[in-house]
Amino acid sequence: MAAELHRLRDRAGETEKITVNVGYVDLGHIDLLVHEGFYSNRTDFIRTAIRNQLATHSDAVKQSIVRHTLELGLRRYGRQELESVKAEGRRLHIQVLGLATIDDDVTPELARDTIESITVLGALQASKAVKAALADRIN
């Protein structure tokens, strides 16, 4: 059985803040390129550099996504879906590259009853109570 690539929709405008330490000389180069008009600001330069590196390694990323059967993009889990999973006697192994969201109406008990494991490469949004209930299942 061949692995499938599941592409989820991207949510425009949502970003995750990260901190990057850059040497003074590299920072000077970035500032020079911004000053010369190649980029509108430091963030524009860094986002462009990240996109270029992701494009360079896109084949390897695609193969890894398929190998790990990751869902790509935004994946939302709501109370209704999890109640259906519970009624069927199933348990989920959530694997997302992007953003996984567990709705606020999902109780910690329902999450524990239906979610066996969570692997998110990106960000996981859920209530503090749900995250605490699933702490031992989040990779």
C-alpha atoms as a PDB file:
ATOM      1  CA  MET A   1       0.000   0.000   0.000  1.00  0.00           C
ATOM      2  CA  ALA A   2       1.593   3.282  -1.093  1.00  0.00           C
ATOM      3  CA  ALA A   3       1.804   6.170   1.359  1.00  0.00           C
ATOM      4  CA  GLU A   4      -0.274   9.195   0.533  1.00  0.00           C
ATOM      5  CA  LEU A   5       0.516  12.896   0.795  1.00  0.00           C
ATOM      6  CA  HIS A   6      -2.350  14.783   2.429  1.00  0.00           C
ATOM      7  CA  ARG A   7      -2.206  18.510   1.590  1.00  0.00           C
ATOM      8  CA  LEU A   8      -4.212  20.702   3.934  1.00  0.00           C
ATOM      9  CA  ARG A   9      -5.109  24.315   3.335  1.00  0.00           C
ATOM     10  CA  ASP A  10      -2.785  27.048   4.537  1.00  0.00           C
ATOM     11  CA  ARG A  11      -4.183  29.756   6.755  1.00  0.00           C
ATOM     12  CA  ALA A  12      -2.997  33.091   5.417  1.00  0.00           C
ATOM     13  CA  GLY A  13      -1.601  35.614   7.846  1.00  0.00           C
ATOM     14  CA  GLU A  14      -0.759  33.274  10.700  1.00  0.00           C
ATOM     15  CA  THR A  15       2.862  33.052  11.712  1.00  0.00           C
ATOM     16  CA  GLU A  16       4.934  31.739  14.587  1.00  0.00           C
ATOM     17  CA  LYS A  17       7.590  33.975  16.090  1.00  0.00           C
ATOM     18  CA  ILE A  18      11.092  32.535  16.379  1.00  0.00           C
ATOM     19  CA  THR A  19      14.355  33.995  17.630  1.00  0.00           C
ATOM     20  CA  VAL A  20      17.519  33.733  15.577  1.00  0.00           C
ATOM     21  CA  ASN A  21      20.982  34.712  16.753  1.00  0.00           C
ATOM     22  CA  VAL A  22      23.029  36.185  13.903  1.00  0.00           C
ATOM     23  CA  GLY A  23      26.659  37.254  13.979  1.00  0.00           C
ATOM     24  CA  TYR A  24      27.430  40.966  13.651  1.00  0.00           C
ATOM     25  CA  VAL A  25      29.058  40.631  10.237  1.00  0.00           C
ATOM     26  CA  ASP A  26      26.116  38.625   8.841  1.00  0.00           C
ATOM     27  CA  LEU A  27      23.724  41.148  10.350  1.00  0.00           C
ATOM     28  CA  GLY A  28      25.698  43.939   8.712  1.00  0.00           C
ATOM     29  CA  HIS A  29      25.373  42.198   5.347  1.00  0.00           C
ATOM     30  CA  ILE A  30      21.629  41.853   5.842  1.00  0.00           C
ATOM     31  CA  ASP A  31      21.311  45.513   6.798  1.00  0.00           C
ATOM     32  CA  LEU A  32      23.336  46.528   3.744  1.00  0.00           C
ATOM     33  CA  LEU A  33      21.006  44.552   1.440  1.00  0.00           C
ATOM     34  CA  VAL A  34      18.002  46.169   3.137  1.00  0.00           C
ATOM     35  CA  HIS A  35      19.599  49.607   2.814  1.00  0.00           C
ATOM     36  CA  GLU A  36      20.294  48.988  -0.889  1.00  0.00           C
ATOM     37  CA  GLY A  37      16.653  48.056  -1.470  1.00  0.00           C
ATOM     38  CA  PHE A  38      17.035  44.328  -2.151  1.00  0.00           C
ATOM     39  CA  TYR A  39      14.724  43.596   0.807  1.00  0.00           C
ATOM     40  CA  SER A  40      12.191  45.773   2.597  1.00  0.00           C
ATOM     41  CA  ASN A  41      13.507  44.836   6.059  1.00  0.00           C
ATOM     42  CA  ARG A  42      15.400  42.158   7.997  1.00  0.00           C
ATOM     43  CA  THR A  43      12.302  39.976   8.309  1.00  0.00           C
ATOM     44  CA  ASP A  44      11.787  40.055   4.546  1.00  0.00           C
ATOM     45  CA  PHE A  45      15.385  38.879   4.062  1.00  0.00           C
ATOM     46  CA  ILE A  46      15.055  36.059   6.622  1.00  0.00           C
ATOM     47  CA  ARG A  47      11.715  34.818   5.227  1.00  0.00           C
ATOM     48  CA  THR A  48      13.177  34.834   1.704  1.00  0.00           C
ATOM     49  CA  ALA A  49      16.247  32.911   2.883  1.00  0.00           C
ATOM     50  CA  ILE A  50      14.047  30.330   4.611  1.00  0.00           C
ATOM     51  CA  ARG A  51      11.847  29.896   1.529  1.00  0.00           C
ATOM     52  CA  ASN A  52      14.927  29.486  -0.667  1.00  0.00           C
ATOM     53  CA  GLN A  53      16.313  26.767   1.609  1.00  0.00           C
ATOM     54  CA  LEU A  54      12.955  24.990   1.710  1.00  0.00           C
ATOM     55  CA  ALA A  55      12.793  25.134  -2.092  1.00  0.00           C
ATOM     56  CA  THR A  56      16.317  23.731  -2.311  1.00  0.00           C
ATOM     57  CA  HIS A  57      15.329  20.758  -0.166  1.00  0.00           C
ATOM     58  CA  SER A  58      11.731  20.405  -1.394  1.00  0.00           C
ATOM     59  CA  ASP A  59      12.175  16.901  -2.841  1.00  0.00           C
ATOM     60  CA  ALA A  60      13.642  15.586   0.406  1.00  0.00           C
ATOM     61  CA  VAL A  61      10.849  17.261   2.393  1.00  0.00           C
ATOM     62  CA  LYS A  62       8.153  15.751   0.156  1.00  0.00           C
ATOM     63  CA  GLN A  63       9.669  12.282   0.480  1.00  0.00           C
ATOM     64  CA  SER A  64       9.878  12.637   4.249  1.00  0.00           C
ATOM     65  CA  ILE A  65       6.252  13.811   4.474  1.00  0.00           C
ATOM     66  CA  VAL A  66       5.097  10.762   2.539  1.00  0.00           C
ATOM     67  CA  ARG A  67       7.382   8.410   4.500  1.00  0.00           C
ATOM     68  CA  HIS A  68       6.007   9.695   7.805  1.00  0.00           C
ATOM     69  CA  THR A  69       2.430  10.084   6.470  1.00  0.00           C
ATOM     70  CA  LEU A  70       2.241  13.662   7.724  1.00  0.00           C
ATOM     71  CA  GLU A  71      -0.692  15.919   6.977  1.00  0.00           C
ATOM     72  CA  LEU A  72       0.600  19.168   5.516  1.00  0.00           C
ATOM     73  CA  GLY A  73      -0.793  22.588   6.382  1.00  0.00           C
ATOM     74  CA  LEU A  74      -3.572  23.332   8.849  1.00  0.00           C
ATOM     75  CA  ARG A  75      -5.454  20.479  10.582  1.00  0.00           C
ATOM     76  CA  ARG A  76      -8.282  21.184  12.999  1.00  0.00           C
ATOM     77  CA  TYR A  77      -9.782  18.639  15.414  1.00  0.00           C
ATOM     78  CA  GLY A  78     -13.188  19.489  16.854  1.00  0.00           C
ATOM     79  CA  ARG A  79     -15.445  17.932  19.469  1.00  0.00           C
ATOM     80  CA  GLN A  80     -17.794  16.422  16.878  1.00  0.00           C
ATOM     81  CA  GLU A  81     -14.969  14.667  14.995  1.00  0.00           C
ATOM     82  CA  LEU A  82     -13.429  13.315  18.201  1.00  0.00           C
ATOM     83  CA  GLU A  83     -16.804  12.095  19.477  1.00  0.00           C
ATOM     84  CA  SER A  84     -17.242  10.190  16.187  1.00  0.00           C
ATOM     85  CA  VAL A  85     -13.782   8.655  16.610  1.00  0.00           C
ATOM     86  CA  LYS A  86     -14.693   7.621  20.157  1.00  0.00           C
ATOM     87  CA  ALA A  87     -18.044   6.126  19.053  1.00  0.00           C
ATOM     88  CA  GLU A  88     -16.185   4.030  16.459  1.00  0.00           C
ATOM     89  CA  GLY A  89     -13.758   2.797  19.105  1.00  0.00           C
ATOM     90  CA  ARG A  90     -10.779   4.280  17.266  1.00  0.00           C
ATOM     91  CA  ARG A  91      -7.809   6.302  18.515  1.00  0.00           C
ATOM     92  CA  LEU A  92      -5.936   8.904  16.511  1.00  0.00           C
ATOM     93  CA  HIS A  93      -2.238   9.170  15.816  1.00  0.00           C
ATOM     94  CA  ILE A  94      -2.020  12.833  14.830  1.00  0.00           C
ATOM     95  CA  GLN A  95       0.914  13.706  12.567  1.00  0.00           C
ATOM     96  CA  VAL A  96       0.964  17.235  11.141  1.00  0.00           C
ATOM     97  CA  LEU A  97       3.563  19.385   9.457  1.00  0.00           C
ATOM     98  CA  GLY A  98       2.217  22.905   9.926  1.00  0.00           C
ATOM     99  CA  LEU A  99      -0.459  23.820  12.450  1.00  0.00           C
ATOM    100  CA  ALA A 100      -2.599  21.362  14.400  1.00  0.00           C
ATOM    101  CA  THR A 101      -5.505  22.869  16.327  1.00  0.00           C
ATOM    102  CA  ILE A 102      -7.690  21.160  18.904  1.00  0.00           C
ATOM    103  CA  ASP A 103     -10.857  23.224  19.362  1.00  0.00           C
ATOM    104  CA  ASP A 104     -11.678  24.814  22.709  1.00  0.00           C
ATOM    105  CA  ASP A 105     -14.874  22.730  23.031  1.00  0.00           C
ATOM    106  CA  VAL A 106     -12.793  19.523  23.277  1.00  0.00           C
ATOM    107  CA  THR A 107     -12.561  18.416  26.892  1.00  0.00           C
ATOM    108  CA  PRO A 108      -9.354  16.965  28.315  1.00  0.00           C
ATOM    109  CA  GLU A 109     -11.200  13.669  28.883  1.00  0.00           C
ATOM    110  CA  LEU A 110     -12.368  13.453  25.259  1.00  0.00           C
ATOM    111  CA  ALA A 111      -8.852  14.258  24.045  1.00  0.00           C
ATOM    112  CA  ARG A 112      -7.320  11.502  26.209  1.00  0.00           C
ATOM    113  CA  ASP A 113      -9.981   9.002  25.129  1.00  0.00           C
ATOM    114  CA  THR A 114      -9.420   9.593  21.409  1.00  0.00           C
ATOM    115  CA  ILE A 115      -5.837  10.770  20.844  1.00  0.00           C
ATOM    116  CA  GLU A 116      -3.127   8.134  21.165  1.00  0.00           C
ATOM    117  CA  SER A 117      -0.213  10.308  20.046  1.00  0.00           C
ATOM    118  CA  ILE A 118       0.569  13.729  18.591  1.00  0.00           C
ATOM    119  CA  THR A 119       3.544  14.658  16.449  1.00  0.00           C
ATOM    120  CA  VAL A 120       3.505  18.213  15.146  1.00  0.00           C
ATOM    121  CA  LEU A 121       6.328  19.742  13.185  1.00  0.00           C
ATOM    122  CA  GLY A 122       5.287  23.365  13.454  1.00  0.00           C
ATOM    123  CA  ALA A 123       2.783  24.402  16.109  1.00  0.00           C
ATOM    124  CA  LEU A 124       0.057  22.823  18.226  1.00  0.00           C
ATOM    125  CA  GLN A 125      -2.794  25.022  19.434  1.00  0.00           C
ATOM    126  CA  ALA A 126      -4.999  23.642  22.187  1.00  0.00           C
ATOM    127  CA  SER A 127      -6.228  24.724  25.596  1.00  0.00           C
ATOM    128  CA  LYS A 128      -3.804  24.419  28.495  1.00  0.00           C
ATOM    129  CA  ALA A 129      -6.021  21.724  29.995  1.00  0.00           C
ATOM    130  CA  VAL A 130      -5.989  19.612  26.823  1.00  0.00           C
ATOM    131  CA  LYS A 131      -2.228  20.032  26.413  1.00  0.00           C
ATOM    132  CA  ALA A 132      -1.732  18.979  30.035  1.00  0.00           C
ATOM    133  CA  ALA A 133      -3.992  15.937  29.558  1.00  0.00           C
ATOM    134  CA  LEU A 134      -2.021  14.886  26.478  1.00  0.00           C
ATOM    135  CA  ALA A 135       1.445  15.831  27.755  1.00  0.00           C
ATOM    136  CA  ASP A 136       2.661  12.227  27.785  1.00  0.00           C
ATOM    137  CA  ARG A 137       1.428  11.713  24.195  1.00  0.00           C
ATOM    138  CA  ILE A 138       2.928  14.803  22.550  1.00  0.00           C
ATOM    139  CA  ASN A 139       6.145  14.065  20.685  1.00  0.00           C
END
